[in-house]
Amino acid sequence: MQYIHIDSALRRFKRQVFKAGILADVKYHRHFETPIEKRKRKAVVARRTRRFK
């Protein structure tokens, strides 16, 4: 059953992309960001960097 390994690999890849914030970065560059959204994004980034230090 080859597809089971592919499904788990895809799930792991999606999780890593989400944790790295790649999709959020793409979304940020795609449209105008309001000041509230910018503040929220910066808070999330700060939280992420504090957790990994």
N, C-alpha and C. Protein backbone atom coordinates (compact mmCIF):
# COMPACT_ATOMS: atom_id res chain seq x y z
N MET A 1 0.84 -1.19 0.00
CA MET A 1 0.00 0.00 0.00
C MET A 1 0.88 1.25 0.00
N GLN A 2 1.30 1.64 -1.14
CA GLN A 2 2.19 2.78 -1.33
C GLN A 2 1.54 4.09 -0.89
N TYR A 3 0.26 4.26 -1.15
CA TYR A 3 -0.39 5.54 -0.89
C TYR A 3 -0.43 5.90 0.59
N ILE A 4 -0.36 4.93 1.48
CA ILE A 4 -0.35 5.23 2.92
C ILE A 4 0.90 6.02 3.28
N HIS A 5 2.05 5.65 2.72
CA HIS A 5 3.29 6.37 3.00
C HIS A 5 3.24 7.78 2.43
N ILE A 6 2.65 7.92 1.26
CA ILE A 6 2.54 9.23 0.64
C ILE A 6 1.63 10.13 1.47
N ASP A 7 0.53 9.58 1.98
CA ASP A 7 -0.39 10.37 2.80
C ASP A 7 0.29 10.87 4.07
N SER A 8 1.04 10.00 4.72
CA SER A 8 1.71 10.43 5.96
C SER A 8 2.81 11.44 5.65
N ALA A 9 3.51 11.27 4.55
CA ALA A 9 4.54 12.23 4.16
C ALA A 9 3.92 13.58 3.85
N LEU A 10 2.79 13.57 3.17
CA LEU A 10 2.10 14.82 2.84
C LEU A 10 1.61 15.51 4.11
N ARG A 11 1.11 14.74 5.05
CA ARG A 11 0.65 15.31 6.31
C ARG A 11 1.80 15.95 7.07
N ARG A 12 2.96 15.26 7.10
CA ARG A 12 4.14 15.82 7.78
C ARG A 12 4.60 17.08 7.09
N PHE A 13 4.60 17.08 5.75
CA PHE A 13 5.03 18.25 5.00
C PHE A 13 4.12 19.44 5.29
N LYS A 14 2.81 19.22 5.29
CA LYS A 14 1.87 20.31 5.57
C LYS A 14 2.08 20.87 6.97
N ARG A 15 2.35 19.98 7.93
CA ARG A 15 2.58 20.43 9.30
C ARG A 15 3.84 21.29 9.39
N GLN A 16 4.90 20.87 8.71
CA GLN A 16 6.16 21.63 8.72
C GLN A 16 5.99 22.98 8.06
N VAL A 17 5.25 23.01 6.94
CA VAL A 17 5.01 24.28 6.25
C VAL A 17 4.22 25.22 7.15
N PHE A 18 3.22 24.68 7.84
CA PHE A 18 2.41 25.50 8.73
C PHE A 18 3.26 26.05 9.88
N LYS A 19 4.08 25.20 10.49
CA LYS A 19 4.90 25.64 11.62
C LYS A 19 5.94 26.67 11.19
N ALA A 20 6.44 26.53 9.97
CA ALA A 20 7.46 27.47 9.49
C ALA A 20 6.85 28.82 9.13
N GLY A 21 5.53 28.87 8.98
CA GLY A 21 4.86 30.13 8.66
C GLY A 21 4.96 30.51 7.20
N ILE A 22 5.20 29.56 6.33
CA ILE A 22 5.35 29.86 4.91
C ILE A 22 4.04 30.33 4.30
N LEU A 23 2.95 29.65 4.61
CA LEU A 23 1.65 30.04 4.05
C LEU A 23 1.24 31.42 4.54
N ALA A 24 1.50 31.71 5.80
CA ALA A 24 1.17 33.03 6.33
C ALA A 24 1.98 34.11 5.61
N ASP A 25 3.23 33.80 5.31
CA ASP A 25 4.07 34.75 4.60
C ASP A 25 3.56 34.99 3.18
N VAL A 26 3.13 33.94 2.52
CA VAL A 26 2.56 34.08 1.17
C VAL A 26 1.30 34.92 1.22
N LYS A 27 0.46 34.65 2.21
CA LYS A 27 -0.78 35.42 2.36
C LYS A 27 -0.46 36.89 2.63
N TYR A 28 0.55 37.14 3.43
CA TYR A 28 0.94 38.51 3.76
C TYR A 28 1.37 39.27 2.50
N HIS A 29 2.11 38.63 1.63
CA HIS A 29 2.59 39.30 0.43
C HIS A 29 1.54 39.38 -0.67
N ARG A 30 0.43 38.70 -0.50
CA ARG A 30 -0.58 38.66 -1.56
C ARG A 30 -1.52 39.86 -1.51
N HIS A 31 -1.78 40.42 -0.35
CA HIS A 31 -2.75 41.51 -0.25
C HIS A 31 -2.33 42.51 0.81
N PHE A 32 -3.05 43.62 0.86
CA PHE A 32 -2.78 44.66 1.85
C PHE A 32 -3.09 44.14 3.25
N GLU A 33 -2.24 44.50 4.19
CA GLU A 33 -2.41 44.05 5.56
C GLU A 33 -2.81 45.23 6.44
N THR A 34 -3.90 45.08 7.17
CA THR A 34 -4.35 46.15 8.06
C THR A 34 -3.41 46.21 9.27
N PRO A 35 -3.40 47.33 9.98
CA PRO A 35 -2.54 47.44 11.16
C PRO A 35 -2.83 46.38 12.22
N ILE A 36 -4.09 46.00 12.38
CA ILE A 36 -4.45 44.97 13.36
C ILE A 36 -3.85 43.63 12.94
N GLU A 37 -3.96 43.29 11.65
CA GLU A 37 -3.38 42.03 11.16
C GLU A 37 -1.87 42.03 11.34
N LYS A 38 -1.26 43.17 11.10
CA LYS A 38 0.20 43.28 11.23
C LYS A 38 0.62 43.04 12.68
N ARG A 39 -0.12 43.64 13.63
CA ARG A 39 0.17 43.46 15.05
C ARG A 39 0.03 41.99 15.45
N LYS A 40 -1.05 41.34 14.98
CA LYS A 40 -1.27 39.93 15.30
C LYS A 40 -0.14 39.07 14.74
N ARG A 41 0.25 39.34 13.50
CA ARG A 41 1.31 38.55 12.87
C ARG A 41 2.62 38.71 13.62
N LYS A 42 2.94 39.93 14.01
CA LYS A 42 4.19 40.16 14.74
C LYS A 42 4.18 39.47 16.10
N ALA A 43 3.01 39.44 16.75
CA ALA A 43 2.89 38.75 18.04
C ALA A 43 3.13 37.26 17.87
N VAL A 44 2.58 36.68 16.81
CA VAL A 44 2.76 35.25 16.55
C VAL A 44 4.23 34.95 16.27
N VAL A 45 4.87 35.79 15.49
CA VAL A 45 6.30 35.59 15.18
C VAL A 45 7.13 35.70 16.45
N ALA A 46 6.81 36.66 17.29
CA ALA A 46 7.55 36.83 18.55
C ALA A 46 7.37 35.61 19.44
N ARG A 47 6.14 35.11 19.51
CA ARG A 47 5.87 33.91 20.31
C ARG A 47 6.66 32.72 19.79
N ARG A 48 6.70 32.59 18.46
CA ARG A 48 7.41 31.46 17.84
C ARG A 48 8.91 31.55 18.13
N THR A 49 9.49 32.75 18.02
CA THR A 49 10.92 32.89 18.25
C THR A 49 11.27 32.68 19.72
N ARG A 50 10.39 33.11 20.63
CA ARG A 50 10.64 32.90 22.05
C ARG A 50 10.62 31.41 22.39
N ARG A 51 9.73 30.66 21.73
CA ARG A 51 9.58 29.25 22.02
C ARG A 51 10.82 28.46 21.59
N PHE A 52 11.46 28.86 20.49
CA PHE A 52 12.57 28.09 19.95
C PHE A 52 13.93 28.53 20.47
N LYS A 53 13.97 29.56 21.28
CA LYS A 53 15.27 30.00 21.82
C LYS A 53 15.62 29.26 23.06
